[in-house]
Amino acid sequence: MPGAHSNSRTTNSPSGGLPPWERTALNLTFKIAASVLSDAGALKKFRRESKELFRLADDDESYDVFQTLKIPRVIGIEESSRNWSVMMVLDHVCLTTPDMLKIIKALMDGVVPRGTLVLADYKPNPEVGYEVLAQFQRLELEYCRGIELLLESRGNLATKTRYPHPWFGPLNAHHWHCLAAIHHHIHRRQVLKLIAMLGVT
């Protein structure tokens, strides 16, 4: 995310490939969640969603975690992101989580990251393998520890400095932290849709 270059692809447009009604609903939901969630509450939610995402992807032979299927609509999932596998979802999260932490750390230092966030840069690798499981666990731990250290040293993540997201506009460090947790929730729902379509009850 930090230092990414903008381009003209529709995946980085303000609508991000979402219907207008859906983007409006997502913005409202996010603003309410960010106003209600504390930093600690968002971290707790991030951990819970992370644990569940890993459980759904790890060592379950009752469904094929590498099979790509086009899922029904899920709020917050772009049209171009509906045709993924379970492991592709984890790979996507591995791409986004460390950059969200970088943004949060920069904003806590009063620095606005350079460049524009390009959503198309976070599309997963269709050829992803089981190695993504270990990477996912490592990056999730790094994120949690990074937030814990910031809270220990600064007290909270409220910053005047903001960095824009294409869908939500300028966000401070607390908002980005809440977004990380909500992002996990959205993709867990995506994985559940995939598993249901694979015939698992």
Foldseek 3Di string as FASTA:
>chain_A
DFPDADDDDCCLALCNQPPPVLLVVVLVVLVVLLVPAFLVRLLVLLVVLLVLLLVLQPDDPPFDQLQWDQFPDFRPAHNVRRGGGSLQLLQLLLVPLVVLLVCLVCQLVVHAGDHADRSVVSGGDSPDDPVSSVSSVVSSVVSSVSSVVCCVVPVGSDGPDFYQDSSNGTDGSSSSSNVSSVSSVRSSVSNVRNVVVRPDD
